[in-house]
Amino acid sequence: MENSERIVFVVDDEAVIADTLATILNNAGFLATAFYSPESVLSEANGASPDLLITDVAMPGMTGIELAITVKSKHPECKVLLFSGQAGMADLLERARQELPEFEFLPKPVHPTDLLAKISLQDPPE
């Protein structure tokens, strides 16, 4: 699947981070959309099927892990990339390992090269 066909949802309650990551991905040829709350993703995911969900772990209201579990329940083929800049995420990441059998993790700040390398690892074989 070419990048231009891959729908990516980028979620962070810090708009500048979500916008920056979506811009990086769009410049790399993905169809990336920035979201600033888990709730906005859930309403969009009812109509669109993302190939990849990139989400911050720590957000108000709903964690990125809870969001990923909900999105995966509706779209099982969707890949998940979690990221966080907060120390003390061990408990949340352990929960993610239990409830999301497959996910990738990146620490914040996310360097564009690292982001694109992680995503390329999730590309399905041609």
PDB file of N, CA and C in Angstrom:
ATOM      1  N   MET A   1       0.851  -1.172   0.000  1.00  0.00           N
ATOM      2  CA  MET A   1       0.000   0.000   0.000  1.00  0.00           C
ATOM      3  C   MET A   1       0.897   1.236   0.000  1.00  0.00           C
ATOM      4  N   GLU A   2       0.632   2.132  -0.913  1.00  0.00           N
ATOM      5  CA  GLU A   2       1.412   3.361  -0.968  1.00  0.00           C
ATOM      6  C   GLU A   2       1.024   4.278   0.181  1.00  0.00           C
ATOM      7  N   ASN A   3       1.985   5.136   0.558  1.00  0.00           N
ATOM      8  CA  ASN A   3       1.707   6.086   1.638  1.00  0.00           C
ATOM      9  C   ASN A   3       0.464   6.907   1.358  1.00  0.00           C
ATOM     10  N   SER A   4       0.275   7.328   0.099  1.00  0.00           N
ATOM     11  CA  SER A   4      -0.832   8.222  -0.250  1.00  0.00           C
ATOM     12  C   SER A   4      -2.199   7.565  -0.031  1.00  0.00           C
ATOM     13  N   GLU A   5      -2.207   6.248   0.132  1.00  0.00           N
ATOM     14  CA  GLU A   5      -3.458   5.542   0.375  1.00  0.00           C
ATOM     15  C   GLU A   5      -3.680   5.267   1.851  1.00  0.00           C
ATOM     16  N   ARG A   6      -2.688   5.567   2.688  1.00  0.00           N
ATOM     17  CA  ARG A   6      -2.767   5.245   4.112  1.00  0.00           C
ATOM     18  C   ARG A   6      -3.365   6.408   4.892  1.00  0.00           C
ATOM     19  N   ILE A   7      -4.485   6.138   5.548  1.00  0.00           N
ATOM     20  CA  ILE A   7      -5.158   7.148   6.359  1.00  0.00           C
ATOM     21  C   ILE A   7      -4.596   7.070   7.775  1.00  0.00           C
ATOM     22  N   VAL A   8      -4.096   8.213   8.241  1.00  0.00           N
ATOM     23  CA  VAL A   8      -3.480   8.277   9.562  1.00  0.00           C
ATOM     24  C   VAL A   8      -4.205   9.325  10.400  1.00  0.00           C
ATOM     25  N   PHE A   9      -4.620   8.939  11.595  1.00  0.00           N
ATOM     26  CA  PHE A   9      -5.190   9.868  12.561  1.00  0.00           C
ATOM     27  C   PHE A   9      -4.114  10.165  13.596  1.00  0.00           C
ATOM     28  N   VAL A  10      -3.816  11.445  13.783  1.00  0.00           N
ATOM     29  CA  VAL A  10      -2.821  11.892  14.759  1.00  0.00           C
ATOM     30  C   VAL A  10      -3.564  12.628  15.866  1.00  0.00           C
ATOM     31  N   VAL A  11      -3.381  12.180  17.117  1.00  0.00           N
ATOM     32  CA  VAL A  11      -4.154  12.737  18.224  1.00  0.00           C
ATOM     33  C   VAL A  11      -3.230  13.224  19.330  1.00  0.00           C
ATOM     34  N   ASP A  12      -3.381  14.498  19.676  1.00  0.00           N
ATOM     35  CA  ASP A  12      -2.674  15.059  20.826  1.00  0.00           C
ATOM     36  C   ASP A  12      -3.474  16.259  21.299  1.00  0.00           C
ATOM     37  N   ASP A  13      -3.638  16.385  22.622  1.00  0.00           N
ATOM     38  CA  ASP A  13      -4.386  17.527  23.136  1.00  0.00           C
ATOM     39  C   ASP A  13      -3.591  18.822  22.991  1.00  0.00           C
ATOM     40  N   GLU A  14      -2.306  18.730  22.668  1.00  0.00           N
ATOM     41  CA  GLU A  14      -1.524  19.916  22.323  1.00  0.00           C
ATOM     42  C   GLU A  14      -1.582  20.062  20.805  1.00  0.00           C
ATOM     43  N   ALA A  15      -2.366  21.032  20.345  1.00  0.00           N
ATOM     44  CA  ALA A  15      -2.641  21.189  18.914  1.00  0.00           C
ATOM     45  C   ALA A  15      -1.373  21.320  18.087  1.00  0.00           C
ATOM     46  N   VAL A  16      -0.384  22.039  18.589  1.00  0.00           N
ATOM     47  CA  VAL A  16       0.832  22.234  17.801  1.00  0.00           C
ATOM     48  C   VAL A  16       1.538  20.903  17.527  1.00  0.00           C
ATOM     49  N   ILE A  17       1.480  19.979  18.473  1.00  0.00           N
ATOM     50  CA  ILE A  17       2.109  18.668  18.265  1.00  0.00           C
ATOM     51  C   ILE A  17       1.321  17.862  17.239  1.00  0.00           C
ATOM     52  N   ALA A  18       0.005  17.805  17.394  1.00  0.00           N
ATOM     53  CA  ALA A  18      -0.826  17.066  16.441  1.00  0.00           C
ATOM     54  C   ALA A  18      -0.668  17.639  15.036  1.00  0.00           C
ATOM     55  N   ASP A  19      -0.709  18.968  14.925  1.00  0.00           N
ATOM     56  CA  ASP A  19      -0.575  19.611  13.615  1.00  0.00           C
ATOM     57  C   ASP A  19       0.792  19.344  13.000  1.00  0.00           C
ATOM     58  N   THR A  20       1.843  19.416  13.817  1.00  0.00           N
ATOM     59  CA  THR A  20       3.203  19.208  13.302  1.00  0.00           C
ATOM     60  C   THR A  20       3.382  17.781  12.800  1.00  0.00           C
ATOM     61  N   LEU A  21       2.943  16.806  13.586  1.00  0.00           N
ATOM     62  CA  LEU A  21       3.080  15.411  13.160  1.00  0.00           C
ATOM     63  C   LEU A  21       2.254  15.131  11.908  1.00  0.00           C
ATOM     64  N   ALA A  22       1.046  15.676  11.842  1.00  0.00           N
ATOM     65  CA  ALA A  22       0.217  15.480  10.645  1.00  0.00           C
ATOM     66  C   ALA A  22       0.877  16.104   9.425  1.00  0.00           C
ATOM     67  N   THR A  23       1.488  17.275   9.596  1.00  0.00           N
ATOM     68  CA  THR A  23       2.182  17.923   8.477  1.00  0.00           C
ATOM     69  C   THR A  23       3.358  17.077   8.000  1.00  0.00           C
ATOM     70  N   ILE A  24       4.132  16.553   8.946  1.00  0.00           N
ATOM     71  CA  ILE A  24       5.268  15.686   8.587  1.00  0.00           C
ATOM     72  C   ILE A  24       4.773  14.488   7.777  1.00  0.00           C
ATOM     73  N   LEU A  25       3.708  13.870   8.242  1.00  0.00           N
ATOM     74  CA  LEU A  25       3.173  12.693   7.556  1.00  0.00           C
ATOM     75  C   LEU A  25       2.589  13.050   6.187  1.00  0.00           C
ATOM     76  N   ASN A  26       1.860  14.162   6.115  1.00  0.00           N
ATOM     77  CA  ASN A  26       1.318  14.584   4.823  1.00  0.00           C
ATOM     78  C   ASN A  26       2.442  14.878   3.835  1.00  0.00           C
ATOM     79  N   ASN A  27       3.517  15.499   4.313  1.00  0.00           N
ATOM     80  CA  ASN A  27       4.667  15.773   3.443  1.00  0.00           C
ATOM     81  C   ASN A  27       5.352  14.493   2.986  1.00  0.00           C
ATOM     82  N   ALA A  28       5.208  13.419   3.769  1.00  0.00           N
ATOM     83  CA  ALA A  28       5.776  12.117   3.405  1.00  0.00           C
ATOM     84  C   ALA A  28       4.812  11.307   2.538  1.00  0.00           C
ATOM     85  N   GLY A  29       3.649  11.889   2.236  1.00  0.00           N
ATOM     86  CA  GLY A  29       2.723  11.245   1.319  1.00  0.00           C
ATOM     87  C   GLY A  29       1.559  10.510   1.951  1.00  0.00           C
ATOM     88  N   PHE A  30       1.408  10.590   3.269  1.00  0.00           N
ATOM     89  CA  PHE A  30       0.273   9.959   3.928  1.00  0.00           C
ATOM     90  C   PHE A  30      -0.941  10.888   3.883  1.00  0.00           C
ATOM     91  N   LEU A  31      -2.108  10.339   4.157  1.00  0.00           N
ATOM     92  CA  LEU A  31      -3.333  11.133   4.311  1.00  0.00           C
ATOM     93  C   LEU A  31      -3.566  11.288   5.811  1.00  0.00           C
ATOM     94  N   ALA A  32      -2.881  12.256   6.412  1.00  0.00           N
ATOM     95  CA  ALA A  32      -2.912  12.422   7.860  1.00  0.00           C
ATOM     96  C   ALA A  32      -3.834  13.563   8.265  1.00  0.00           C
ATOM     97  N   THR A  33      -4.573  13.339   9.336  1.00  0.00           N
ATOM     98  CA  THR A  33      -5.458  14.340   9.902  1.00  0.00           C
ATOM     99  C   THR A  33      -5.122  14.505  11.375  1.00  0.00           C
ATOM    100  N   ALA A  34      -5.020  15.759  11.825  1.00  0.00           N
ATOM    101  CA  ALA A  34      -4.751  16.054  13.229  1.00  0.00           C
ATOM    102  C   ALA A  34      -6.057  16.169  14.002  1.00  0.00           C
ATOM    103  N   PHE A  35      -6.069  15.602  15.194  1.00  0.00           N
ATOM    104  CA  PHE A  35      -7.199  15.705  16.116  1.00  0.00           C
ATOM    105  C   PHE A  35      -6.655  16.152  17.457  1.00  0.00           C
ATOM    106  N   TYR A  36      -7.478  16.905  18.205  1.00  0.00           N
ATOM    107  CA  TYR A  36      -7.016  17.471  19.474  1.00  0.00           C
ATOM    108  C   TYR A  36      -7.708  16.852  20.682  1.00  0.00           C
ATOM    109  N   SER A  37      -8.595  15.896  20.442  1.00  0.00           N
ATOM    110  CA  SER A  37      -9.256  15.210  21.547  1.00  0.00           C
ATOM    111  C   SER A  37      -9.645  13.807  21.090  1.00  0.00           C
ATOM    112  N   PRO A  38      -9.649  12.864  22.009  1.00  0.00           N
ATOM    113  CA  PRO A  38     -10.086  11.511  21.660  1.00  0.00           C
ATOM    114  C   PRO A  38     -11.522  11.483  21.137  1.00  0.00           C
ATOM    115  N   GLU A  39     -12.379  12.329  21.713  1.00  0.00           N
ATOM    116  CA  GLU A  39     -13.781  12.344  21.297  1.00  0.00           C
ATOM    117  C   GLU A  39     -13.935  12.710  19.818  1.00  0.00           C
ATOM    118  N   SER A  40     -13.119  13.639  19.336  1.00  0.00           N
ATOM    119  CA  SER A  40     -13.217  14.031  17.923  1.00  0.00           C
ATOM    120  C   SER A  40     -12.789  12.885  17.012  1.00  0.00           C
ATOM    121  N   VAL A  41     -11.849  12.076  17.465  1.00  0.00           N
ATOM    122  CA  VAL A  41     -11.423  10.913  16.682  1.00  0.00           C
ATOM    123  C   VAL A  41     -12.547   9.889  16.612  1.00  0.00           C
ATOM    124  N   LEU A  42     -13.197   9.661  17.740  1.00  0.00           N
ATOM    125  CA  LEU A  42     -14.253   8.650  17.768  1.00  0.00           C
ATOM    126  C   LEU A  42     -15.393   8.996  16.817  1.00  0.00           C
ATOM    127  N   SER A  43     -15.752  10.259  16.746  1.00  0.00           N
ATOM    128  CA  SER A  43     -16.833  10.626  15.819  1.00  0.00           C
ATOM    129  C   SER A  43     -16.373  10.474  14.375  1.00  0.00           C
ATOM    130  N   GLU A  44     -15.125  10.783  14.088  1.00  0.00           N
ATOM    131  CA  GLU A  44     -14.591  10.641  12.721  1.00  0.00           C
ATOM    132  C   GLU A  44     -14.425   9.166  12.362  1.00  0.00           C
ATOM    133  N   ALA A  45     -14.019   8.351  13.318  1.00  0.00           N
ATOM    134  CA  ALA A  45     -13.772   6.924  13.059  1.00  0.00           C
ATOM    135  C   ALA A  45     -15.060   6.163  12.768  1.00  0.00           C
ATOM    136  N   ASN A  46     -16.217   6.763  13.062  1.00  0.00           N
ATOM    137  CA  ASN A  46     -17.474   6.119  12.698  1.00  0.00           C
ATOM    138  C   ASN A  46     -17.656   6.080  11.190  1.00  0.00           C
ATOM    139  N   GLY A  47     -17.090   7.070  10.482  1.00  0.00           N
ATOM    140  CA  GLY A  47     -17.263   7.124   9.038  1.00  0.00           C
ATOM    141  C   GLY A  47     -16.019   6.747   8.260  1.00  0.00           C
ATOM    142  N   ALA A  48     -14.850   6.944   8.842  1.00  0.00           N
ATOM    143  CA  ALA A  48     -13.592   6.656   8.144  1.00  0.00           C
ATOM    144  C   ALA A  48     -12.866   5.542   8.872  1.00  0.00           C
ATOM    145  N   SER A  49     -12.132   4.757   8.120  1.00  0.00           N
ATOM    146  CA  SER A  49     -11.374   3.655   8.701  1.00  0.00           C
ATOM    147  C   SER A  49      -9.885   3.978   8.625  1.00  0.00           C
ATOM    148  N   PRO A  50      -9.281   4.384   9.750  1.00  0.00           N
ATOM    149  CA  PRO A  50      -7.859   4.720   9.707  1.00  0.00           C
ATOM    150  C   PRO A  50      -6.998   3.470   9.567  1.00  0.00           C
ATOM    151  N   ASP A  51      -5.892   3.611   8.854  1.00  0.00           N
ATOM    152  CA  ASP A  51      -4.916   2.530   8.760  1.00  0.00           C
ATOM    153  C   ASP A  51      -3.968   2.571   9.941  1.00  0.00           C
ATOM    154  N   LEU A  52      -3.775   3.785  10.483  1.00  0.00           N
ATOM    155  CA  LEU A  52      -2.852   3.971  11.593  1.00  0.00           C
ATOM    156  C   LEU A  52      -3.381   5.057  12.519  1.00  0.00           C
ATOM    157  N   LEU A  53      -3.332   4.785  13.814  1.00  0.00           N
ATOM    158  CA  LEU A  53      -3.694   5.757  14.838  1.00  0.00           C
ATOM    159  C   LEU A  53      -2.422   6.084  15.607  1.00  0.00           C
ATOM    160  N   ILE A  54      -2.041   7.352  15.594  1.00  0.00           N
ATOM    161  CA  ILE A  54      -0.899   7.823  16.369  1.00  0.00           C
ATOM    162  C   ILE A  54      -1.475   8.716  17.451  1.00  0.00           C
ATOM    163  N   THR A  55      -1.304   8.317  18.712  1.00  0.00           N
ATOM    164  CA  THR A  55      -1.950   9.057  19.780  1.00  0.00           C
ATOM    165  C   THR A  55      -1.054   9.236  20.993  1.00  0.00           C
ATOM    166  N   ASP A  56      -1.174  10.430  21.580  1.00  0.00           N
ATOM    167  CA  ASP A  56      -0.549  10.698  22.860  1.00  0.00           C
ATOM    168  C   ASP A  56      -1.212   9.789  23.879  1.00  0.00           C
ATOM    169  N   VAL A  57      -0.455   9.354  24.877  1.00  0.00           N
ATOM    170  CA  VAL A  57      -1.017   8.484  25.903  1.00  0.00           C
ATOM    171  C   VAL A  57      -1.832   9.292  26.907  1.00  0.00           C
ATOM    172  N   ALA A  58      -1.247  10.388  27.400  1.00  0.00           N
ATOM    173  CA  ALA A  58      -1.879  11.157  28.482  1.00  0.00           C
ATOM    174  C   ALA A  58      -2.662  12.336  27.908  1.00  0.00           C
ATOM    175  N   MET A  59      -3.982  12.221  27.961  1.00  0.00           N
ATOM    176  CA  MET A  59      -4.860  13.305  27.509  1.00  0.00           C
ATOM    177  C   MET A  59      -6.003  13.414  28.503  1.00  0.00           C
ATOM    178  N   PRO A  60      -6.606  14.605  28.605  1.00  0.00           N
ATOM    179  CA  PRO A  60      -7.735  14.754  29.533  1.00  0.00           C
ATOM    180  C   PRO A  60      -8.951  13.957  29.053  1.00  0.00           C
ATOM    181  N   GLY A  61      -9.666  13.403  29.992  1.00  0.00           N
ATOM    182  CA  GLY A  61     -10.903  12.686  29.671  1.00  0.00           C
ATOM    183  C   GLY A  61     -10.672  11.227  29.360  1.00  0.00           C
ATOM    184  N   MET A  62      -9.972  10.943  28.305  1.00  0.00           N
ATOM    185  CA  MET A  62      -9.746   9.583  27.846  1.00  0.00           C
ATOM    186  C   MET A  62      -8.273   9.445  27.493  1.00  0.00           C
ATOM    187  N   THR A  63      -7.634   8.378  27.942  1.00  0.00           N
ATOM    188  CA  THR A  63      -6.225   8.185  27.585  1.00  0.00           C
ATOM    189  C   THR A  63      -6.105   7.722  26.137  1.00  0.00           C
ATOM    190  N   GLY A  64      -4.927   7.861  25.601  1.00  0.00           N
ATOM    191  CA  GLY A  64      -4.665   7.359  24.254  1.00  0.00           C
ATOM    192  C   GLY A  64      -4.833   5.856  24.168  1.00  0.00           C
ATOM    193  N   ILE A  65      -4.570   5.175  25.264  1.00  0.00           N
ATOM    194  CA  ILE A  65      -4.741   3.720  25.298  1.00  0.00           C
ATOM    195  C   ILE A  65      -6.223   3.367  25.194  1.00  0.00           C
ATOM    196  N   GLU A  66      -7.058   4.054  25.963  1.00  0.00           N
ATOM    197  CA  GLU A  66      -8.506   3.817  25.883  1.00  0.00           C
ATOM    198  C   GLU A  66      -9.012   4.144  24.478  1.00  0.00           C
ATOM    199  N   LEU A  67      -8.510   5.215  23.908  1.00  0.00           N
ATOM    200  CA  LEU A  67      -8.891   5.582  22.542  1.00  0.00           C
ATOM    201  C   LEU A  67      -8.494   4.480  21.567  1.00  0.00           C
ATOM    202  N   ALA A  68      -7.265   4.010  21.686  1.00  0.00           N
ATOM    203  CA  ALA A  68      -6.785   2.979  20.764  1.00  0.00           C
ATOM    204  C   ALA A  68      -7.607   1.702  20.881  1.00  0.00           C
ATOM    205  N   ILE A  69      -7.946   1.312  22.091  1.00  0.00           N
ATOM    206  CA  ILE A  69      -8.769   0.113  22.298  1.00  0.00           C
ATOM    207  C   ILE A  69     -10.122   0.280  21.618  1.00  0.00           C
ATOM    208  N   THR A  70     -10.731   1.453  21.760  1.00  0.00           N
ATOM    209  CA  THR A  70     -12.037   1.713  21.149  1.00  0.00           C
ATOM    210  C   THR A  70     -11.944   1.712  19.625  1.00  0.00           C
ATOM    211  N   VAL A  71     -10.921   2.384  19.087  1.00  0.00           N
ATOM    212  CA  VAL A  71     -10.761   2.427  17.624  1.00  0.00           C
ATOM    213  C   VAL A  71     -10.492   1.023  17.078  1.00  0.00           C
ATOM    214  N   LYS A  72      -9.620   0.261  17.757  1.00  0.00           N
ATOM    215  CA  LYS A  72      -9.309  -1.100  17.310  1.00  0.00           C
ATOM    216  C   LYS A  72     -10.540  -2.007  17.362  1.00  0.00           C
ATOM    217  N   SER A  73     -11.463  -1.755  18.292  1.00  0.00           N
ATOM    218  CA  SER A  73     -12.662  -2.583  18.354  1.00  0.00           C
ATOM    219  C   SER A  73     -13.542  -2.366  17.121  1.00  0.00           C
ATOM    220  N   LYS A  74     -13.497  -1.159  16.565  1.00  0.00           N
ATOM    221  CA  LYS A  74     -14.282  -0.854  15.363  1.00  0.00           C
ATOM    222  C   LYS A  74     -13.502  -1.137  14.082  1.00  0.00           C
ATOM    223  N   HIS A  75     -12.183  -0.981  14.160  1.00  0.00           N
ATOM    224  CA  HIS A  75     -11.313  -1.136  12.988  1.00  0.00           C
ATOM    225  C   HIS A  75     -10.125  -2.019  13.379  1.00  0.00           C
ATOM    226  N   PRO A  76     -10.311  -3.332  13.438  1.00  0.00           N
ATOM    227  CA  PRO A  76      -9.269  -4.241  13.928  1.00  0.00           C
ATOM    228  C   PRO A  76      -7.955  -4.183  13.146  1.00  0.00           C
ATOM    229  N   GLU A  77      -8.013  -3.769  11.887  1.00  0.00           N
ATOM    230  CA  GLU A  77      -6.801  -3.712  11.065  1.00  0.00           C
ATOM    231  C   GLU A  77      -5.956  -2.468  11.339  1.00  0.00           C
ATOM    232  N   CYS A  78      -6.504  -1.515  12.076  1.00  0.00           N
ATOM    233  CA  CYS A  78      -5.802  -0.267  12.351  1.00  0.00           C
ATOM    234  C   CYS A  78      -4.576  -0.543  13.232  1.00  0.00           C
ATOM    235  N   LYS A  79      -3.428  -0.026  12.823  1.00  0.00           N
ATOM    236  CA  LYS A  79      -2.202  -0.122  13.616  1.00  0.00           C
ATOM    237  C   LYS A  79      -2.197   1.017  14.633  1.00  0.00           C
ATOM    238  N   VAL A  80      -1.451   0.841  15.721  1.00  0.00           N
ATOM    239  CA  VAL A  80      -1.420   1.836  16.793  1.00  0.00           C
ATOM    240  C   VAL A  80       0.017   2.207  17.122  1.00  0.00           C
ATOM    241  N   LEU A  81       0.260   3.512  17.202  1.00  0.00           N
ATOM    242  CA  LEU A  81       1.539   4.050  17.662  1.00  0.00           C
ATOM    243  C   LEU A  81       1.241   5.013  18.801  1.00  0.00           C
ATOM    244  N   LEU A  82       1.682   4.659  19.996  1.00  0.00           N
ATOM    245  CA  LEU A  82       1.481   5.499  21.174  1.00  0.00           C
ATOM    246  C   LEU A  82       2.730   6.341  21.408  1.00  0.00           C
ATOM    247  N   PHE A  83       2.543   7.560  21.912  1.00  0.00           N
ATOM    248  CA  PHE A  83       3.696   8.362  22.296  1.00  0.00           C
ATOM    249  C   PHE A  83       3.369   9.168  23.533  1.00  0.00           C
ATOM    250  N   SER A  84       4.416   9.478  24.304  1.00  0.00           N
ATOM    251  CA  SER A  84       4.218  10.246  25.521  1.00  0.00           C
ATOM    252  C   SER A  84       5.516  10.906  25.935  1.00  0.00           C
ATOM    253  N   GLY A  85       5.371  12.071  26.542  1.00  0.00           N
ATOM    254  CA  GLY A  85       6.524  12.774  27.071  1.00  0.00           C
ATOM    255  C   GLY A  85       6.547  12.748  28.579  1.00  0.00           C
ATOM    256  N   GLN A  86       5.593  12.088  29.184  1.00  0.00           N
ATOM    257  CA  GLN A  86       5.503  12.089  30.639  1.00  0.00           C
ATOM    258  C   GLN A  86       6.217  10.890  31.234  1.00  0.00           C
ATOM    259  N   ALA A  87       6.973  11.169  32.283  1.00  0.00           N
ATOM    260  CA  ALA A  87       7.555  10.075  33.048  1.00  0.00           C
ATOM    261  C   ALA A  87       6.411   9.408  33.804  1.00  0.00           C
ATOM    262  N   GLY A  88       6.636   8.217  34.259  1.00  0.00           N
ATOM    263  CA  GLY A  88       5.600   7.537  35.027  1.00  0.00           C
ATOM    264  C   GLY A  88       4.525   6.908  34.168  1.00  0.00           C
ATOM    265  N   MET A  89       4.826   6.613  32.932  1.00  0.00           N
ATOM    266  CA  MET A  89       3.849   5.994  32.040  1.00  0.00           C
ATOM    267  C   MET A  89       3.890   4.474  32.127  1.00  0.00           C
ATOM    268  N   ALA A  90       4.720   3.933  33.005  1.00  0.00           N
ATOM    269  CA  ALA A  90       4.893   2.476  33.071  1.00  0.00           C
ATOM    270  C   ALA A  90       3.567   1.754  33.296  1.00  0.00           C
ATOM    271  N   ASP A  91       2.748   2.259  34.221  1.00  0.00           N
ATOM    272  CA  ASP A  91       1.467   1.589  34.500  1.00  0.00           C
ATOM    273  C   ASP A  91       0.544   1.614  33.290  1.00  0.00           C
ATOM    274  N   LEU A  92       0.470   2.777  32.632  1.00  0.00           N
ATOM    275  CA  LEU A  92      -0.387   2.878  31.445  1.00  0.00           C
ATOM    276  C   LEU A  92       0.128   2.002  30.317  1.00  0.00           C
ATOM    277  N   LEU A  93       1.442   1.958  30.140  1.00  0.00           N
ATOM    278  CA  LEU A  93       1.998   1.129  29.065  1.00  0.00           C
ATOM    279  C   LEU A  93       1.812  -0.357  29.365  1.00  0.00           C
ATOM    280  N   GLU A  94       1.873  -0.730  30.625  1.00  0.00           N
ATOM    281  CA  GLU A  94       1.610  -2.126  30.991  1.00  0.00           C
ATOM    282  C   GLU A  94       0.161  -2.482  30.659  1.00  0.00           C
ATOM    283  N   ARG A  95      -0.754  -1.567  30.938  1.00  0.00           N
ATOM    284  CA  ARG A  95      -2.160  -1.802  30.575  1.00  0.00           C
ATOM    285  C   ARG A  95      -2.289  -1.940  29.057  1.00  0.00           C
ATOM    286  N   ALA A  96      -1.571  -1.091  28.330  1.00  0.00           N
ATOM    287  CA  ALA A  96      -1.625  -1.168  26.868  1.00  0.00           C
ATOM    288  C   ALA A  96      -1.144  -2.529  26.386  1.00  0.00           C
ATOM    289  N   ARG A  97      -0.075  -3.036  26.996  1.00  0.00           N
ATOM    290  CA  ARG A  97       0.447  -4.350  26.588  1.00  0.00           C
ATOM    291  C   ARG A  97      -0.584  -5.453  26.830  1.00  0.00           C
ATOM    292  N   GLN A  98      -1.386  -5.292  27.880  1.00  0.00           N
ATOM    293  CA  GLN A  98      -2.399  -6.298  28.192  1.00  0.00           C
ATOM    294  C   GLN A  98      -3.609  -6.198  27.271  1.00  0.00           C
ATOM    295  N   GLU A  99      -3.990  -4.975  26.913  1.00  0.00           N
ATOM    296  CA  GLU A  99      -5.241  -4.789  26.178  1.00  0.00           C
ATOM    297  C   GLU A  99      -5.058  -4.536  24.680  1.00  0.00           C
ATOM    298  N   LEU A 100      -3.862  -4.148  24.284  1.00  0.00           N
ATOM    299  CA  LEU A 100      -3.546  -3.945  22.867  1.00  0.00           C
ATOM    300  C   LEU A 100      -2.379  -4.863  22.532  1.00  0.00           C
ATOM    301  N   PRO A 101      -2.645  -6.011  21.961  1.00  0.00           N
ATOM    302  CA  PRO A 101      -1.558  -6.954  21.740  1.00  0.00           C
ATOM    303  C   PRO A 101      -0.428  -6.398  20.875  1.00  0.00           C
ATOM    304  N   GLU A 102      -0.753  -5.513  19.964  1.00  0.00           N
ATOM    305  CA  GLU A 102       0.283  -4.975  19.084  1.00  0.00           C
ATOM    306  C   GLU A 102       0.190  -3.458  19.053  1.00  0.00           C
ATOM    307  N   PHE A 103       1.266  -2.823  19.502  1.00  0.00           N
ATOM    308  CA  PHE A 103       1.373  -1.376  19.361  1.00  0.00           C
ATOM    309  C   PHE A 103       2.846  -1.015  19.404  1.00  0.00           C
ATOM    310  N   GLU A 104       3.160   0.146  18.895  1.00  0.00           N
ATOM    311  CA  GLU A 104       4.509   0.692  18.955  1.00  0.00           C
ATOM    312  C   GLU A 104       4.479   1.870  19.908  1.00  0.00           C
ATOM    313  N   PHE A 105       5.645   2.238  20.438  1.00  0.00           N
ATOM    314  CA  PHE A 105       5.733   3.369  21.353  1.00  0.00           C
ATOM    315  C   PHE A 105       6.912   4.242  20.976  1.00  0.00           C
ATOM    316  N   LEU A 106       6.707   5.558  21.041  1.00  0.00           N
ATOM    317  CA  LEU A 106       7.777   6.541  20.847  1.00  0.00           C
ATOM    318  C   LEU A 106       7.725   7.546  21.982  1.00  0.00           C
ATOM    319  N   PRO A 107       8.885   7.916  22.530  1.00  0.00           N
ATOM    320  CA  PRO A 107       8.897   8.977  23.545  1.00  0.00           C
ATOM    321  C   PRO A 107       8.814  10.343  22.890  1.00  0.00           C
ATOM    322  N   LYS A 108       8.202  11.304  23.603  1.00  0.00           N
ATOM    323  CA  LYS A 108       8.209  12.702  23.150  1.00  0.00           C
ATOM    324  C   LYS A 108       9.505  13.330  23.641  1.00  0.00           C
ATOM    325  N   PRO A 109      10.067  14.279  22.956  1.00  0.00           N
ATOM    326  CA  PRO A 109       9.599  14.758  21.650  1.00  0.00           C
ATOM    327  C   PRO A 109       9.874  13.723  20.557  1.00  0.00           C
ATOM    328  N   VAL A 110       8.952  13.636  19.615  1.00  0.00           N
ATOM    329  CA  VAL A 110       9.058  12.687  18.521  1.00  0.00           C
ATOM    330  C   VAL A 110       9.843  13.342  17.393  1.00  0.00           C
ATOM    331  N   HIS A 111      10.969  12.757  17.054  1.00  0.00           N
ATOM    332  CA  HIS A 111      11.764  13.275  15.934  1.00  0.00           C
ATOM    333  C   HIS A 111      11.152  12.755  14.636  1.00  0.00           C
ATOM    334  N   PRO A 112      11.025  13.606  13.612  1.00  0.00           N
ATOM    335  CA  PRO A 112      10.395  13.169  12.358  1.00  0.00           C
ATOM    336  C   PRO A 112      11.010  11.902  11.770  1.00  0.00           C
ATOM    337  N   THR A 113      12.325  11.777  11.833  1.00  0.00           N
ATOM    338  CA  THR A 113      12.980  10.589  11.285  1.00  0.00           C
ATOM    339  C   THR A 113      12.555   9.331  12.040  1.00  0.00           C
ATOM    340  N   ASP A 114      12.480   9.445  13.377  1.00  0.00           N
ATOM    341  CA  ASP A 114      12.052   8.301  14.184  1.00  0.00           C
ATOM    342  C   ASP A 114      10.600   7.940  13.896  1.00  0.00           C
ATOM    343  N   LEU A 115       9.764   8.953  13.752  1.00  0.00           N
ATOM    344  CA  LEU A 115       8.356   8.730  13.458  1.00  0.00           C
ATOM    345  C   LEU A 115       8.197   7.976  12.142  1.00  0.00           C
ATOM    346  N   LEU A 116       8.851   8.462  11.094  1.00  0.00           N
ATOM    347  CA  LEU A 116       8.724   7.833   9.784  1.00  0.00           C
ATOM    348  C   LEU A 116       9.332   6.432   9.774  1.00  0.00           C
ATOM    349  N   ALA A 117      10.403   6.231  10.529  1.00  0.00           N
ATOM    350  CA  ALA A 117      11.001   4.896  10.617  1.00  0.00           C
ATOM    351  C   ALA A 117      10.044   3.922  11.297  1.00  0.00           C
ATOM    352  N   LYS A 118       9.402   4.340  12.387  1.00  0.00           N
ATOM    353  CA  LYS A 118       8.437   3.484  13.082  1.00  0.00           C
ATOM    354  C   LYS A 118       7.264   3.122  12.176  1.00  0.00           C
ATOM    355  N   ILE A 119       6.790   4.115  11.446  1.00  0.00           N
ATOM    356  CA  ILE A 119       5.647   3.872  10.565  1.00  0.00           C
ATOM    357  C   ILE A 119       6.033   2.931   9.435  1.00  0.00           C
ATOM    358  N   SER A 120       7.237   3.069   8.908  1.00  0.00           N
ATOM    359  CA  SER A 120       7.654   2.187   7.812  1.00  0.00           C
ATOM    360  C   SER A 120       7.735   0.741   8.283  1.00  0.00           C
ATOM    361  N   LEU A 121       8.001   0.526   9.570  1.00  0.00           N
ATOM    362  CA  LEU A 121       8.012  -0.820  10.122  1.00  0.00           C
ATOM    363  C   LEU A 121       6.614  -1.428  10.146  1.00  0.00           C
ATOM    364  N   GLN A 122       5.614  -0.561  10.110  1.00  0.00           N
ATOM    365  CA  GLN A 122       4.231  -1.036  10.167  1.00  0.00           C
ATOM    366  C   GLN A 122       3.614  -1.185   8.779  1.00  0.00           C
ATOM    367  N   ASP A 123       4.383  -0.903   7.751  1.00  0.00           N
ATOM    368  CA  ASP A 123       3.869  -1.060   6.396  1.00  0.00           C
ATOM    369  C   ASP A 123       3.584  -2.530   6.123  1.00  0.00           C
ATOM    370  N   PRO A 124       2.433  -2.833   5.562  1.00  0.00           N
ATOM    371  CA  PRO A 124       2.164  -4.230   5.212  1.00  0.00           C
ATOM    372  C   PRO A 124       3.074  -4.661   4.059  1.00  0.00           C
ATOM    373  N   PRO A 125       3.456  -5.932   4.003  1.00  0.00           N
ATOM    374  CA  PRO A 125       4.287  -6.390   2.890  1.00  0.00           C
ATOM    375  C   PRO A 125       3.545  -6.247   1.574  1.00  0.00           C
ATOM    376  N   GLU A 126       4.294  -5.917   0.552  1.00  0.00           N
ATOM    377  CA  GLU A 126       3.705  -5.751  -0.792  1.00  0.00           C
ATOM    378  C   GLU A 126       3.446  -7.109  -1.418  1.00  0.00           C
TER     379      GLU A 126
END
